[in-house]
Amino acid sequence: MITKYAIKTTFGYVVRRGTTPGELAYYYAAVSDAKHFDTAKDATQWLERAAFHNGREGRPYSGSPQIVRVDEKVSQLTYVDAGPVA
């Protein structure tokens, strides 16, 4: 199994998308479609940048975001939620 990290909210998992490299937008998806990070620190930094950008735009996060560990089952190429990061 390969361990990655994702940002989970009460609405689903956060996915990065955007039309410009600096744009941090998000929508909510299933864990298999979520943006995956190599470390919890990378996920935290991404969330901080997105929160700053969205706050500046007047669009605060909702849904209580938390960083969770997800494990990729290599044989099936699917991700499963492994729970919150301590």
C-alpha atoms as a PDB file:
ATOM      1  CA  MET A   1       0.000   0.000   0.000  1.00  0.00           C
ATOM      2  CA  ILE A   2       1.054   3.564  -0.671  1.00  0.00           C
ATOM      3  CA  THR A   3       0.151   6.177   1.948  1.00  0.00           C
ATOM      4  CA  LYS A   4      -0.889   9.662   0.842  1.00  0.00           C
ATOM      5  CA  TYR A   5      -2.791  12.506   2.501  1.00  0.00           C
ATOM      6  CA  ALA A   6      -5.967  14.337   1.494  1.00  0.00           C
ATOM      7  CA  ILE A   7      -8.132  17.164   2.838  1.00  0.00           C
ATOM      8  CA  LYS A   8     -11.556  15.959   3.949  1.00  0.00           C
ATOM      9  CA  THR A   9     -14.575  18.094   4.827  1.00  0.00           C
ATOM     10  CA  THR A  10     -18.102  17.244   5.861  1.00  0.00           C
ATOM     11  CA  PHE A  11     -19.061  17.675   2.183  1.00  0.00           C
ATOM     12  CA  GLY A  12     -16.367  15.424   0.658  1.00  0.00           C
ATOM     13  CA  TYR A  13     -12.707  15.679  -0.314  1.00  0.00           C
ATOM     14  CA  VAL A  14     -11.039  18.822  -1.647  1.00  0.00           C
ATOM     15  CA  VAL A  15      -9.701  18.815  -5.201  1.00  0.00           C
ATOM     16  CA  ARG A  16      -7.459  21.523  -6.632  1.00  0.00           C
ATOM     17  CA  ARG A  17      -8.389  22.975  -9.967  1.00  0.00           C
ATOM     18  CA  GLY A  18      -7.876  26.319 -11.633  1.00  0.00           C
ATOM     19  CA  THR A  19      -7.248  28.153 -14.845  1.00  0.00           C
ATOM     20  CA  THR A  20      -4.013  29.830 -13.742  1.00  0.00           C
ATOM     21  CA  PRO A  21      -1.087  28.363 -11.773  1.00  0.00           C
ATOM     22  CA  GLY A  22      -1.674  30.668  -8.791  1.00  0.00           C
ATOM     23  CA  GLU A  23      -5.420  30.119  -8.565  1.00  0.00           C
ATOM     24  CA  LEU A  24      -6.545  27.949  -5.670  1.00  0.00           C
ATOM     25  CA  ALA A  25     -10.116  26.853  -6.129  1.00  0.00           C
ATOM     26  CA  TYR A  26     -11.793  23.748  -4.828  1.00  0.00           C
ATOM     27  CA  TYR A  27     -14.777  21.520  -5.101  1.00  0.00           C
ATOM     28  CA  TYR A  28     -15.812  18.440  -3.189  1.00  0.00           C
ATOM     29  CA  ALA A  29     -15.410  14.905  -4.491  1.00  0.00           C
ATOM     30  CA  ALA A  30     -15.000  11.272  -3.539  1.00  0.00           C
ATOM     31  CA  VAL A  31     -11.705  10.111  -2.034  1.00  0.00           C
ATOM     32  CA  SER A  32     -10.639   8.541  -5.343  1.00  0.00           C
ATOM     33  CA  ASP A  33     -10.888  11.967  -7.052  1.00  0.00           C
ATOM     34  CA  ALA A  34      -9.290  13.965  -4.239  1.00  0.00           C
ATOM     35  CA  LYS A  35      -6.008  15.829  -4.512  1.00  0.00           C
ATOM     36  CA  HIS A  36      -3.411  13.625  -2.837  1.00  0.00           C
ATOM     37  CA  PHE A  37      -0.309  14.915  -1.065  1.00  0.00           C
ATOM     38  CA  ASP A  38       2.920  13.048  -0.283  1.00  0.00           C
ATOM     39  CA  THR A  39       3.138  14.368   3.293  1.00  0.00           C
ATOM     40  CA  ALA A  40       0.785  15.854   5.879  1.00  0.00           C
ATOM     41  CA  LYS A  41       2.978  18.982   5.838  1.00  0.00           C
ATOM     42  CA  ASP A  42       2.350  19.449   2.099  1.00  0.00           C
ATOM     43  CA  ALA A  43      -1.404  19.143   2.692  1.00  0.00           C
ATOM     44  CA  THR A  44      -1.242  21.654   5.559  1.00  0.00           C
ATOM     45  CA  GLN A  45       0.685  24.176   3.463  1.00  0.00           C
ATOM     46  CA  TRP A  46      -1.746  23.814   0.563  1.00  0.00           C
ATOM     47  CA  LEU A  47      -4.711  24.310   2.909  1.00  0.00           C
ATOM     48  CA  GLU A  48      -3.097  27.418   4.444  1.00  0.00           C
ATOM     49  CA  ARG A  49      -2.469  28.964   1.002  1.00  0.00           C
ATOM     50  CA  ALA A  50      -5.992  28.141  -0.142  1.00  0.00           C
ATOM     51  CA  ALA A  51      -7.511  29.555   3.059  1.00  0.00           C
ATOM     52  CA  PHE A  52      -5.521  32.784   2.629  1.00  0.00           C
ATOM     53  CA  HIS A  53      -6.543  33.102  -1.017  1.00  0.00           C
ATOM     54  CA  ASN A  54     -10.194  32.290  -0.351  1.00  0.00           C
ATOM     55  CA  GLY A  55     -10.299  34.658   2.647  1.00  0.00           C
ATOM     56  CA  ARG A  56      -8.908  37.462   0.518  1.00  0.00           C
ATOM     57  CA  GLU A  57     -11.626  36.730  -2.049  1.00  0.00           C
ATOM     58  CA  GLY A  58     -14.321  36.669   0.659  1.00  0.00           C
ATOM     59  CA  ARG A  59     -14.981  32.928   0.289  1.00  0.00           C
ATOM     60  CA  PRO A  60     -14.035  31.277   3.599  1.00  0.00           C
ATOM     61  CA  TYR A  61     -13.825  27.504   3.879  1.00  0.00           C
ATOM     62  CA  SER A  62     -16.748  25.652   5.344  1.00  0.00           C
ATOM     63  CA  GLY A  63     -17.267  22.050   6.279  1.00  0.00           C
ATOM     64  CA  SER A  64     -14.542  21.701   8.946  1.00  0.00           C
ATOM     65  CA  PRO A  65     -11.555  20.684   6.790  1.00  0.00           C
ATOM     66  CA  GLN A  66      -9.199  18.091   8.249  1.00  0.00           C
ATOM     67  CA  ILE A  67      -6.166  16.283   6.874  1.00  0.00           C
ATOM     68  CA  VAL A  68      -6.606  12.521   6.621  1.00  0.00           C
ATOM     69  CA  ARG A  69      -4.319   9.684   5.628  1.00  0.00           C
ATOM     70  CA  VAL A  70      -5.487   7.665   2.640  1.00  0.00           C
ATOM     71  CA  ASP A  71      -3.986   4.350   1.573  1.00  0.00           C
ATOM     72  CA  GLU A  72      -3.774   3.356  -2.064  1.00  0.00           C
ATOM     73  CA  LYS A  73      -4.453  -0.288  -2.697  1.00  0.00           C
ATOM     74  CA  VAL A  74      -1.967  -0.865  -5.495  1.00  0.00           C
ATOM     75  CA  SER A  75      -3.706  -3.938  -6.883  1.00  0.00           C
ATOM     76  CA  GLN A  76      -7.009  -2.081  -7.257  1.00  0.00           C
ATOM     77  CA  LEU A  77      -5.659   1.471  -7.779  1.00  0.00           C
ATOM     78  CA  THR A  78      -8.233   2.901  -5.394  1.00  0.00           C
ATOM     79  CA  TYR A  79      -7.875   5.023  -2.270  1.00  0.00           C
ATOM     80  CA  VAL A  80      -9.502   4.329   1.078  1.00  0.00           C
ATOM     81  CA  ASP A  81      -9.797   6.761   3.977  1.00  0.00           C
ATOM     82  CA  ALA A  82      -7.431   5.667   6.751  1.00  0.00           C
ATOM     83  CA  GLY A  83      -8.548   8.291   9.276  1.00  0.00           C
ATOM     84  CA  PRO A  84      -7.436  11.657  10.664  1.00  0.00           C
ATOM     85  CA  VAL A  85      -3.776  12.585  10.990  1.00  0.00           C
ATOM     86  CA  ALA A  86      -2.669  12.875  14.611  1.00  0.00           C
END
